[in-house]
Amino acid sequence: MITLYDLNEAIKECEGQRNPTANTAVKLAAFYTIKNELYPTVPPDIGYSYDPPKDYESRTDFGKAVQGKDPVSVLEIFDDLMSLLKTAQPRLYRRLIETIQEL
């Protein structure tokens, strides 16, 4: 797979040519097209909501505390908590990150 770094380097090379040809323009257009498809700057509309299912009822204190709250606000709190966890319990932090990445 083409990495973002490789695409950016190829784009820089094409844009840096002193006397670009039509072939250079075609390459540049192709590189930008591939970059926009593989690495979009605006996330696509994925068509789902962050709201939990209507029949979801948590039995934990945490679940009850976050139910109905703004997900972004909750994630900001967790971002701070994860920074602390990374310092205090690096092994636990790594396991948690791996578990989340596997979702």
PDB file of N, CA and C in Angstrom:
ATOM      1  N   MET A   1       0.841  -1.177   0.000  1.00  0.00           N
ATOM      2  CA  MET A   1       0.000   0.000   0.000  1.00  0.00           C
ATOM      3  C   MET A   1       0.890   1.246   0.000  1.00  0.00           C
ATOM      4  N   ILE A   2       0.447   2.233  -0.693  1.00  0.00           N
ATOM      5  CA  ILE A   2       1.191   3.484  -0.780  1.00  0.00           C
ATOM      6  C   ILE A   2       0.966   4.278   0.505  1.00  0.00           C
ATOM      7  N   THR A   3       2.047   4.701   1.111  1.00  0.00           N
ATOM      8  CA  THR A   3       1.927   5.469   2.346  1.00  0.00           C
ATOM      9  C   THR A   3       1.722   6.948   2.027  1.00  0.00           C
ATOM     10  N   LEU A   4       1.199   7.656   2.987  1.00  0.00           N
ATOM     11  CA  LEU A   4       0.994   9.088   2.832  1.00  0.00           C
ATOM     12  C   LEU A   4       2.328   9.791   2.614  1.00  0.00           C
ATOM     13  N   TYR A   5       3.355   9.335   3.306  1.00  0.00           N
ATOM     14  CA  TYR A   5       4.681   9.915   3.145  1.00  0.00           C
ATOM     15  C   TYR A   5       5.155   9.781   1.692  1.00  0.00           C
ATOM     16  N   ASP A   6       5.008   8.574   1.123  1.00  0.00           N
ATOM     17  CA  ASP A   6       5.427   8.348  -0.262  1.00  0.00           C
ATOM     18  C   ASP A   6       4.670   9.248  -1.237  1.00  0.00           C
ATOM     19  N   LEU A   7       3.369   9.377  -1.011  1.00  0.00           N
ATOM     20  CA  LEU A   7       2.576  10.243  -1.893  1.00  0.00           C
ATOM     21  C   LEU A   7       3.024  11.692  -1.793  1.00  0.00           C
ATOM     22  N   ASN A   8       3.241  12.158  -0.580  1.00  0.00           N
ATOM     23  CA  ASN A   8       3.681  13.544  -0.408  1.00  0.00           C
ATOM     24  C   ASN A   8       5.042  13.786  -1.059  1.00  0.00           C
ATOM     25  N   GLU A   9       5.932  12.817  -0.952  1.00  0.00           N
ATOM     26  CA  GLU A   9       7.252  12.945  -1.586  1.00  0.00           C
ATOM     27  C   GLU A   9       7.123  12.989  -3.107  1.00  0.00           C
ATOM     28  N   ALA A  10       6.269  12.139  -3.670  1.00  0.00           N
ATOM     29  CA  ALA A  10       6.079  12.129  -5.119  1.00  0.00           C
ATOM     30  C   ALA A  10       5.458  13.444  -5.589  1.00  0.00           C
ATOM     31  N   ILE A  11       4.535  13.975  -4.818  1.00  0.00           N
ATOM     32  CA  ILE A  11       3.909  15.256  -5.156  1.00  0.00           C
ATOM     33  C   ILE A  11       4.946  16.379  -5.117  1.00  0.00           C
ATOM     34  N   LYS A  12       5.771  16.381  -4.065  1.00  0.00           N
ATOM     35  CA  LYS A  12       6.819  17.406  -3.966  1.00  0.00           C
ATOM     36  C   LYS A  12       7.768  17.338  -5.160  1.00  0.00           C
ATOM     37  N   GLU A  13       8.111  16.127  -5.553  1.00  0.00           N
ATOM     38  CA  GLU A  13       9.028  15.953  -6.685  1.00  0.00           C
ATOM     39  C   GLU A  13       8.419  16.505  -7.970  1.00  0.00           C
ATOM     40  N   CYS A  14       7.154  16.205  -8.211  1.00  0.00           N
ATOM     41  CA  CYS A  14       6.488  16.716  -9.414  1.00  0.00           C
ATOM     42  C   CYS A  14       6.353  18.237  -9.371  1.00  0.00           C
ATOM     43  N   GLU A  15       5.966  18.757  -8.220  1.00  0.00           N
ATOM     44  CA  GLU A  15       5.773  20.203  -8.103  1.00  0.00           C
ATOM     45  C   GLU A  15       7.097  20.959  -8.148  1.00  0.00           C
ATOM     46  N   GLY A  16       8.193  20.288  -7.840  1.00  0.00           N
ATOM     47  CA  GLY A  16       9.492  20.945  -7.805  1.00  0.00           C
ATOM     48  C   GLY A  16      10.230  20.955  -9.133  1.00  0.00           C
ATOM     49  N   GLN A  17       9.654  20.357 -10.161  1.00  0.00           N
ATOM     50  CA  GLN A  17      10.330  20.335 -11.451  1.00  0.00           C
ATOM     51  C   GLN A  17      10.343  21.725 -12.072  1.00  0.00           C
ATOM     52  N   ARG A  18      11.502  22.083 -12.621  1.00  0.00           N
ATOM     53  CA  ARG A  18      11.640  23.414 -13.224  1.00  0.00           C
ATOM     54  C   ARG A  18      10.862  23.541 -14.525  1.00  0.00           C
ATOM     55  N   ASN A  19      10.894  22.512 -15.347  1.00  0.00           N
ATOM     56  CA  ASN A  19      10.204  22.534 -16.641  1.00  0.00           C
ATOM     57  C   ASN A  19       9.245  21.349 -16.720  1.00  0.00           C
ATOM     58  N   PRO A  20       8.081  21.464 -16.064  1.00  0.00           N
ATOM     59  CA  PRO A  20       7.160  20.328 -16.055  1.00  0.00           C
ATOM     60  C   PRO A  20       6.591  20.067 -17.454  1.00  0.00           C
ATOM     61  N   THR A  21       6.351  18.794 -17.701  1.00  0.00           N
ATOM     62  CA  THR A  21       5.755  18.388 -18.977  1.00  0.00           C
ATOM     63  C   THR A  21       4.317  17.974 -18.732  1.00  0.00           C
ATOM     64  N   ALA A  22       3.639  17.629 -19.815  1.00  0.00           N
ATOM     65  CA  ALA A  22       2.266  17.137 -19.680  1.00  0.00           C
ATOM     66  C   ALA A  22       2.250  15.841 -18.871  1.00  0.00           C
ATOM     67  N   ASN A  23       3.289  15.030 -19.055  1.00  0.00           N
ATOM     68  CA  ASN A  23       3.402  13.789 -18.299  1.00  0.00           C
ATOM     69  C   ASN A  23       3.506  14.072 -16.798  1.00  0.00           C
ATOM     70  N   THR A  24       4.215  15.122 -16.432  1.00  0.00           N
ATOM     71  CA  THR A  24       4.335  15.511 -15.023  1.00  0.00           C
ATOM     72  C   THR A  24       2.973  15.905 -14.462  1.00  0.00           C
ATOM     73  N   ALA A  25       2.205  16.638 -15.256  1.00  0.00           N
ATOM     74  CA  ALA A  25       0.868  17.061 -14.818  1.00  0.00           C
ATOM     75  C   ALA A  25      -0.049  15.858 -14.613  1.00  0.00           C
ATOM     76  N   VAL A  26       0.060  14.872 -15.504  1.00  0.00           N
ATOM     77  CA  VAL A  26      -0.761  13.664 -15.379  1.00  0.00           C
ATOM     78  C   VAL A  26      -0.376  12.908 -14.110  1.00  0.00           C
ATOM     79  N   LYS A  27       0.921  12.771 -13.854  1.00  0.00           N
ATOM     80  CA  LYS A  27       1.386  12.098 -12.637  1.00  0.00           C
ATOM     81  C   LYS A  27       0.895  12.831 -11.394  1.00  0.00           C
ATOM     82  N   LEU A  28       1.028  14.163 -11.411  1.00  0.00           N
ATOM     83  CA  LEU A  28       0.623  14.967 -10.263  1.00  0.00           C
ATOM     84  C   LEU A  28      -0.871  14.792  -9.991  1.00  0.00           C
ATOM     85  N   ALA A  29      -1.669  14.812 -11.051  1.00  0.00           N
ATOM     86  CA  ALA A  29      -3.113  14.617 -10.885  1.00  0.00           C
ATOM     87  C   ALA A  29      -3.406  13.231 -10.304  1.00  0.00           C
ATOM     88  N   ALA A  30      -2.689  12.230 -10.798  1.00  0.00           N
ATOM     89  CA  ALA A  30      -2.896  10.872 -10.293  1.00  0.00           C
ATOM     90  C   ALA A  30      -2.509  10.772  -8.817  1.00  0.00           C
ATOM     91  N   PHE A  31      -1.371  11.379  -8.453  1.00  0.00           N
ATOM     92  CA  PHE A  31      -0.933  11.340  -7.056  1.00  0.00           C
ATOM     93  C   PHE A  31      -1.945  12.010  -6.135  1.00  0.00           C
ATOM     94  N   TYR A  32      -2.456  13.170  -6.558  1.00  0.00           N
ATOM     95  CA  TYR A  32      -3.454  13.862  -5.727  1.00  0.00           C
ATOM     96  C   TYR A  32      -4.748  13.047  -5.626  1.00  0.00           C
ATOM     97  N   THR A  33      -5.145  12.414  -6.703  1.00  0.00           N
ATOM     98  CA  THR A  33      -6.360  11.600  -6.678  1.00  0.00           C
ATOM     99  C   THR A  33      -6.202  10.436  -5.718  1.00  0.00           C
ATOM    100  N   ILE A  34      -5.069   9.751  -5.804  1.00  0.00           N
ATOM    101  CA  ILE A  34      -4.813   8.625  -4.906  1.00  0.00           C
ATOM    102  C   ILE A  34      -4.770   9.101  -3.454  1.00  0.00           C
ATOM    103  N   LYS A  35      -4.101  10.221  -3.229  1.00  0.00           N
ATOM    104  CA  LYS A  35      -4.000  10.764  -1.867  1.00  0.00           C
ATOM    105  C   LYS A  35      -5.380  11.099  -1.311  1.00  0.00           C
ATOM    106  N   ASN A  36      -6.220  11.731  -2.119  1.00  0.00           N
ATOM    107  CA  ASN A  36      -7.555  12.110  -1.650  1.00  0.00           C
ATOM    108  C   ASN A  36      -8.441  10.899  -1.389  1.00  0.00           C
ATOM    109  N   GLU A  37      -8.222   9.814  -2.144  1.00  0.00           N
ATOM    110  CA  GLU A  37      -9.025   8.611  -1.943  1.00  0.00           C
ATOM    111  C   GLU A  37      -8.546   7.802  -0.731  1.00  0.00           C
ATOM    112  N   LEU A  38      -7.239   7.657  -0.597  1.00  0.00           N
ATOM    113  CA  LEU A  38      -6.700   6.849   0.494  1.00  0.00           C
ATOM    114  C   LEU A  38      -6.626   7.593   1.818  1.00  0.00           C
ATOM    115  N   TYR A  39      -6.385   8.886   1.753  1.00  0.00           N
ATOM    116  CA  TYR A  39      -6.190   9.692   2.964  1.00  0.00           C
ATOM    117  C   TYR A  39      -7.026  10.965   2.882  1.00  0.00           C
ATOM    118  N   PRO A  40      -8.356  10.840   2.945  1.00  0.00           N
ATOM    119  CA  PRO A  40      -9.192  12.041   2.828  1.00  0.00           C
ATOM    120  C   PRO A  40      -8.976  12.982   4.006  1.00  0.00           C
ATOM    121  N   THR A  41      -9.023  14.277   3.722  1.00  0.00           N
ATOM    122  CA  THR A  41      -8.848  15.262   4.787  1.00  0.00           C
ATOM    123  C   THR A  41     -10.139  15.475   5.558  1.00  0.00           C
ATOM    124  N   VAL A  42     -11.271  15.226   4.926  1.00  0.00           N
ATOM    125  CA  VAL A  42     -12.566  15.334   5.584  1.00  0.00           C
ATOM    126  C   VAL A  42     -13.093  13.917   5.757  1.00  0.00           C
ATOM    127  N   PRO A  43     -13.384  13.520   6.979  1.00  0.00           N
ATOM    128  CA  PRO A  43     -13.865  12.161   7.168  1.00  0.00           C
ATOM    129  C   PRO A  43     -15.184  11.949   6.423  1.00  0.00           C
ATOM    130  N   PRO A  44     -15.367  10.802   5.808  1.00  0.00           N
ATOM    131  CA  PRO A  44     -16.607  10.546   5.084  1.00  0.00           C
ATOM    132  C   PRO A  44     -17.786  10.452   6.037  1.00  0.00           C
ATOM    133  N   ASP A  45     -18.949  10.749   5.535  1.00  0.00           N
ATOM    134  CA  ASP A  45     -20.163  10.615   6.328  1.00  0.00           C
ATOM    135  C   ASP A  45     -20.456   9.128   6.454  1.00  0.00           C
ATOM    136  N   ILE A  46     -20.247   8.585   7.638  1.00  0.00           N
ATOM    137  CA  ILE A  46     -20.390   7.153   7.804  1.00  0.00           C
ATOM    138  C   ILE A  46     -21.811   6.751   8.180  1.00  0.00           C
ATOM    139  N   GLY A  47     -22.661   7.707   8.413  1.00  0.00           N
ATOM    140  CA  GLY A  47     -24.075   7.429   8.563  1.00  0.00           C
ATOM    141  C   GLY A  47     -24.502   6.692   9.815  1.00  0.00           C
ATOM    142  N   TYR A  48     -23.840   6.928  10.919  1.00  0.00           N
ATOM    143  CA  TYR A  48     -24.328   6.342  12.154  1.00  0.00           C
ATOM    144  C   TYR A  48     -24.177   7.342  13.281  1.00  0.00           C
ATOM    145  N   SER A  49     -24.838   7.054  14.357  1.00  0.00           N
ATOM    146  CA  SER A  49     -24.864   7.947  15.495  1.00  0.00           C
ATOM    147  C   SER A  49     -24.035   7.362  16.631  1.00  0.00           C
ATOM    148  N   TYR A  50     -23.563   8.218  17.494  1.00  0.00           N
ATOM    149  CA  TYR A  50     -22.832   7.763  18.664  1.00  0.00           C
ATOM    150  C   TYR A  50     -23.759   7.436  19.819  1.00  0.00           C
ATOM    151  N   ASP A  51     -25.043   7.623  19.632  1.00  0.00           N
ATOM    152  CA  ASP A  51     -25.987   7.331  20.705  1.00  0.00           C
ATOM    153  C   ASP A  51     -26.073   5.827  20.920  1.00  0.00           C
ATOM    154  N   PRO A  52     -26.111   5.404  22.187  1.00  0.00           N
ATOM    155  CA  PRO A  52     -26.258   3.970  22.432  1.00  0.00           C
ATOM    156  C   PRO A  52     -27.653   3.510  22.014  1.00  0.00           C
ATOM    157  N   PRO A  53     -27.833   2.226  21.794  1.00  0.00           N
ATOM    158  CA  PRO A  53     -29.164   1.726  21.450  1.00  0.00           C
ATOM    159  C   PRO A  53     -30.167   2.103  22.529  1.00  0.00           C
ATOM    160  N   LYS A  54     -31.401   2.280  22.126  1.00  0.00           N
ATOM    161  CA  LYS A  54     -32.445   2.717  23.064  1.00  0.00           C
ATOM    162  C   LYS A  54     -32.644   1.732  24.208  1.00  0.00           C
ATOM    163  N   ASP A  55     -32.427   0.451  23.950  1.00  0.00           N
ATOM    164  CA  ASP A  55     -32.645  -0.538  24.992  1.00  0.00           C
ATOM    165  C   ASP A  55     -31.415  -0.759  25.873  1.00  0.00           C
ATOM    166  N   TYR A  56     -30.382   0.069  25.697  1.00  0.00           N
ATOM    167  CA  TYR A  56     -29.154  -0.078  26.484  1.00  0.00           C
ATOM    168  C   TYR A  56     -29.364   0.477  27.879  1.00  0.00           C
ATOM    169  N   GLU A  57     -29.110  -0.345  28.871  1.00  0.00           N
ATOM    170  CA  GLU A  57     -29.139   0.095  30.266  1.00  0.00           C
ATOM    171  C   GLU A  57     -27.924  -0.480  30.956  1.00  0.00           C
ATOM    172  N   SER A  58     -27.058   0.377  31.430  1.00  0.00           N
ATOM    173  CA  SER A  58     -25.858  -0.084  32.106  1.00  0.00           C
ATOM    174  C   SER A  58     -26.166  -0.427  33.544  1.00  0.00           C
ATOM    175  N   ARG A  59     -25.437  -1.398  34.042  1.00  0.00           N
ATOM    176  CA  ARG A  59     -25.573  -1.790  35.443  1.00  0.00           C
ATOM    177  C   ARG A  59     -24.405  -1.284  36.270  1.00  0.00           C
ATOM    178  N   THR A  60     -23.469  -0.550  35.632  1.00  0.00           N
ATOM    179  CA  THR A  60     -22.299  -0.061  36.360  1.00  0.00           C
ATOM    180  C   THR A  60     -22.469   1.415  36.689  1.00  0.00           C
ATOM    181  N   ASP A  61     -21.713   1.848  37.690  1.00  0.00           N
ATOM    182  CA  ASP A  61     -21.748   3.269  38.053  1.00  0.00           C
ATOM    183  C   ASP A  61     -21.260   4.127  36.888  1.00  0.00           C
ATOM    184  N   PHE A  62     -20.210   3.648  36.221  1.00  0.00           N
ATOM    185  CA  PHE A  62     -19.671   4.394  35.089  1.00  0.00           C
ATOM    186  C   PHE A  62     -20.722   4.522  33.980  1.00  0.00           C
ATOM    187  N   GLY A  63     -21.329   3.408  33.613  1.00  0.00           N
ATOM    188  CA  GLY A  63     -22.333   3.424  32.553  1.00  0.00           C
ATOM    189  C   GLY A  63     -23.484   4.360  32.870  1.00  0.00           C
ATOM    190  N   LYS A  64     -23.908   4.360  34.114  1.00  0.00           N
ATOM    191  CA  LYS A  64     -25.000   5.247  34.527  1.00  0.00           C
ATOM    192  C   LYS A  64     -24.555   6.713  34.494  1.00  0.00           C
ATOM    193  N   ALA A  65     -23.280   6.958  34.844  1.00  0.00           N
ATOM    194  CA  ALA A  65     -22.772   8.331  34.880  1.00  0.00           C
ATOM    195  C   ALA A  65     -22.670   8.928  33.474  1.00  0.00           C
ATOM    196  N   VAL A  66     -22.298   8.119  32.481  1.00  0.00           N
ATOM    197  CA  VAL A  66     -22.101   8.661  31.126  1.00  0.00           C
ATOM    198  C   VAL A  66     -23.346   8.573  30.257  1.00  0.00           C
ATOM    199  N   GLN A  67     -24.329   7.798  30.681  1.00  0.00           N
ATOM    200  CA  GLN A  67     -25.529   7.634  29.863  1.00  0.00           C
ATOM    201  C   GLN A  67     -26.200   8.985  29.615  1.00  0.00           C
ATOM    202  N   GLY A  68     -26.404   9.288  28.338  1.00  0.00           N
ATOM    203  CA  GLY A  68     -27.050  10.526  27.944  1.00  0.00           C
ATOM    204  C   GLY A  68     -26.123  11.729  27.849  1.00  0.00           C
ATOM    205  N   LYS A  69     -24.859  11.552  28.186  1.00  0.00           N
ATOM    206  CA  LYS A  69     -23.887  12.666  28.125  1.00  0.00           C
ATOM    207  C   LYS A  69     -23.338  12.803  26.712  1.00  0.00           C
ATOM    208  N   ASP A  70     -22.785  13.963  26.414  1.00  0.00           N
ATOM    209  CA  ASP A  70     -22.169  14.221  25.122  1.00  0.00           C
ATOM    210  C   ASP A  70     -20.923  13.344  24.988  1.00  0.00           C
ATOM    211  N   PRO A  71     -20.859  12.483  23.965  1.00  0.00           N
ATOM    212  CA  PRO A  71     -19.713  11.578  23.820  1.00  0.00           C
ATOM    213  C   PRO A  71     -18.370  12.302  23.710  1.00  0.00           C
ATOM    214  N   VAL A  72     -18.330  13.450  23.051  1.00  0.00           N
ATOM    215  CA  VAL A  72     -17.077  14.190  22.901  1.00  0.00           C
ATOM    216  C   VAL A  72     -16.578  14.665  24.262  1.00  0.00           C
ATOM    217  N   SER A  73     -17.474  15.134  25.103  1.00  0.00           N
ATOM    218  CA  SER A  73     -17.082  15.578  26.444  1.00  0.00           C
ATOM    219  C   SER A  73     -16.542  14.419  27.271  1.00  0.00           C
ATOM    220  N   VAL A  74     -17.187  13.264  27.164  1.00  0.00           N
ATOM    221  CA  VAL A  74     -16.726  12.087  27.890  1.00  0.00           C
ATOM    222  C   VAL A  74     -15.351  11.668  27.379  1.00  0.00           C
ATOM    223  N   LEU A  75     -15.134  11.706  26.056  1.00  0.00           N
ATOM    224  CA  LEU A  75     -13.842  11.317  25.489  1.00  0.00           C
ATOM    225  C   LEU A  75     -12.733  12.278  25.899  1.00  0.00           C
ATOM    226  N   GLU A  76     -13.043  13.548  26.060  1.00  0.00           N
ATOM    227  CA  GLU A  76     -12.032  14.504  26.523  1.00  0.00           C
ATOM    228  C   GLU A  76     -11.560  14.143  27.925  1.00  0.00           C
ATOM    229  N   ILE A  77     -12.491  13.737  28.780  1.00  0.00           N
ATOM    230  CA  ILE A  77     -12.136  13.316  30.133  1.00  0.00           C
ATOM    231  C   ILE A  77     -11.265  12.061  30.073  1.00  0.00           C
ATOM    232  N   PHE A  78     -11.656  11.130  29.206  1.00  0.00           N
ATOM    233  CA  PHE A  78     -10.887   9.892  29.074  1.00  0.00           C
ATOM    234  C   PHE A  78      -9.515  10.129  28.463  1.00  0.00           C
ATOM    235  N   ASP A  79      -9.385  11.112  27.614  1.00  0.00           N
ATOM    236  CA  ASP A  79      -8.080  11.436  27.040  1.00  0.00           C
ATOM    237  C   ASP A  79      -7.099  11.828  28.148  1.00  0.00           C
ATOM    238  N   ASP A  80      -7.561  12.656  29.071  1.00  0.00           N
ATOM    239  CA  ASP A  80      -6.722  13.030  30.223  1.00  0.00           C
ATOM    240  C   ASP A  80      -6.408  11.817  31.093  1.00  0.00           C
ATOM    241  N   LEU A  81      -7.420  11.004  31.346  1.00  0.00           N
ATOM    242  CA  LEU A  81      -7.225   9.816  32.164  1.00  0.00           C
ATOM    243  C   LEU A  81      -6.226   8.858  31.519  1.00  0.00           C
ATOM    244  N   MET A  82      -6.309   8.688  30.212  1.00  0.00           N
ATOM    245  CA  MET A  82      -5.396   7.778  29.507  1.00  0.00           C
ATOM    246  C   MET A  82      -3.958   8.296  29.559  1.00  0.00           C
ATOM    247  N   SER A  83      -3.764   9.595  29.535  1.00  0.00           N
ATOM    248  CA  SER A  83      -2.416  10.146  29.671  1.00  0.00           C
ATOM    249  C   SER A  83      -1.829   9.795  31.033  1.00  0.00           C
ATOM    250  N   LEU A  84      -2.635   9.892  32.055  1.00  0.00           N
ATOM    251  CA  LEU A  84      -2.178   9.513  33.393  1.00  0.00           C
ATOM    252  C   LEU A  84      -1.894   8.018  33.482  1.00  0.00           C
ATOM    253  N   LEU A  85      -2.774   7.211  32.889  1.00  0.00           N
ATOM    254  CA  LEU A  85      -2.597   5.763  32.912  1.00  0.00           C
ATOM    255  C   LEU A  85      -1.325   5.352  32.175  1.00  0.00           C
ATOM    256  N   LYS A  86      -1.019   6.030  31.085  1.00  0.00           N
ATOM    257  CA  LYS A  86       0.184   5.722  30.304  1.00  0.00           C
ATOM    258  C   LYS A  86       1.440   5.897  31.160  1.00  0.00           C
ATOM    259  N   THR A  87       1.437   6.906  32.020  1.00  0.00           N
ATOM    260  CA  THR A  87       2.583   7.169  32.890  1.00  0.00           C
ATOM    261  C   THR A  87       2.613   6.216  34.082  1.00  0.00           C
ATOM    262  N   ALA A  88       1.459   6.026  34.713  1.00  0.00           N
ATOM    263  CA  ALA A  88       1.409   5.245  35.948  1.00  0.00           C
ATOM    264  C   ALA A  88       1.407   3.732  35.709  1.00  0.00           C
ATOM    265  N   GLN A  89       0.748   3.278  34.662  1.00  0.00           N
ATOM    266  CA  GLN A  89       0.609   1.840  34.387  1.00  0.00           C
ATOM    267  C   GLN A  89       0.809   1.573  32.889  1.00  0.00           C
ATOM    268  N   PRO A  90       2.033   1.665  32.385  1.00  0.00           N
ATOM    269  CA  PRO A  90       2.261   1.544  30.945  1.00  0.00           C
ATOM    270  C   PRO A  90       1.800   0.213  30.349  1.00  0.00           C
ATOM    271  N   ARG A  91       1.948  -0.900  31.069  1.00  0.00           N
ATOM    272  CA  ARG A  91       1.507  -2.189  30.529  1.00  0.00           C
ATOM    273  C   ARG A  91      -0.007  -2.242  30.386  1.00  0.00           C
ATOM    274  N   LEU A  92      -0.703  -1.772  31.397  1.00  0.00           N
ATOM    275  CA  LEU A  92      -2.163  -1.724  31.341  1.00  0.00           C
ATOM    276  C   LEU A  92      -2.618  -0.803  30.217  1.00  0.00           C
ATOM    277  N   TYR A  93      -1.943   0.327  30.080  1.00  0.00           N
ATOM    278  CA  TYR A  93      -2.263   1.284  29.017  1.00  0.00           C
ATOM    279  C   TYR A  93      -2.131   0.613  27.642  1.00  0.00           C
ATOM    280  N   ARG A  94      -1.002  -0.083  27.409  1.00  0.00           N
ATOM    281  CA  ARG A  94      -0.783  -0.745  26.109  1.00  0.00           C
ATOM    282  C   ARG A  94      -1.856  -1.796  25.832  1.00  0.00           C
ATOM    283  N   ARG A  95      -2.201  -2.581  26.849  1.00  0.00           N
ATOM    284  CA  ARG A  95      -3.242  -3.605  26.659  1.00  0.00           C
ATOM    285  C   ARG A  95      -4.581  -2.967  26.319  1.00  0.00           C
ATOM    286  N   LEU A  96      -4.905  -1.873  26.973  1.00  0.00           N
ATOM    287  CA  LEU A  96      -6.162  -1.185  26.706  1.00  0.00           C
ATOM    288  C   LEU A  96      -6.185  -0.615  25.295  1.00  0.00           C
ATOM    289  N   ILE A  97      -5.094   0.004  24.870  1.00  0.00           N
ATOM    290  CA  ILE A  97      -5.006   0.564  23.509  1.00  0.00           C
ATOM    291  C   ILE A  97      -5.150  -0.560  22.479  1.00  0.00           C
ATOM    292  N   GLU A  98      -4.463  -1.682  22.709  1.00  0.00           N
ATOM    293  CA  GLU A  98      -4.562  -2.819  21.773  1.00  0.00           C
ATOM    294  C   GLU A  98      -5.994  -3.343  21.698  1.00  0.00           C
ATOM    295  N   THR A  99      -6.665  -3.426  22.835  1.00  0.00           N
ATOM    296  CA  THR A  99      -8.051  -3.896  22.857  1.00  0.00           C
ATOM    297  C   THR A  99      -8.952  -2.949  22.074  1.00  0.00           C
ATOM    298  N   ILE A 100      -8.755  -1.659  22.252  1.00  0.00           N
ATOM    299  CA  ILE A 100      -9.578  -0.677  21.532  1.00  0.00           C
ATOM    300  C   ILE A 100      -9.303  -0.747  20.034  1.00  0.00           C
ATOM    301  N   GLN A 101      -8.041  -0.910  19.638  1.00  0.00           N
ATOM    302  CA  GLN A 101      -7.698  -0.985  18.218  1.00  0.00           C
ATOM    303  C   GLN A 101      -8.295  -2.208  17.562  1.00  0.00           C
ATOM    304  N   GLU A 102      -8.520  -3.265  18.311  1.00  0.00           N
ATOM    305  CA  GLU A 102      -9.082  -4.484  17.754  1.00  0.00           C
ATOM    306  C   GLU A 102     -10.593  -4.402  17.561  1.00  0.00           C
ATOM    307  N   LEU A 103     -11.244  -3.389  18.115  1.00  0.00           N
ATOM    308  CA  LEU A 103     -12.703  -3.250  17.975  1.00  0.00           C
ATOM    309  C   LEU A 103     -13.096  -3.110  16.523  1.00  0.00           C
TER     310      LEU A 103
END
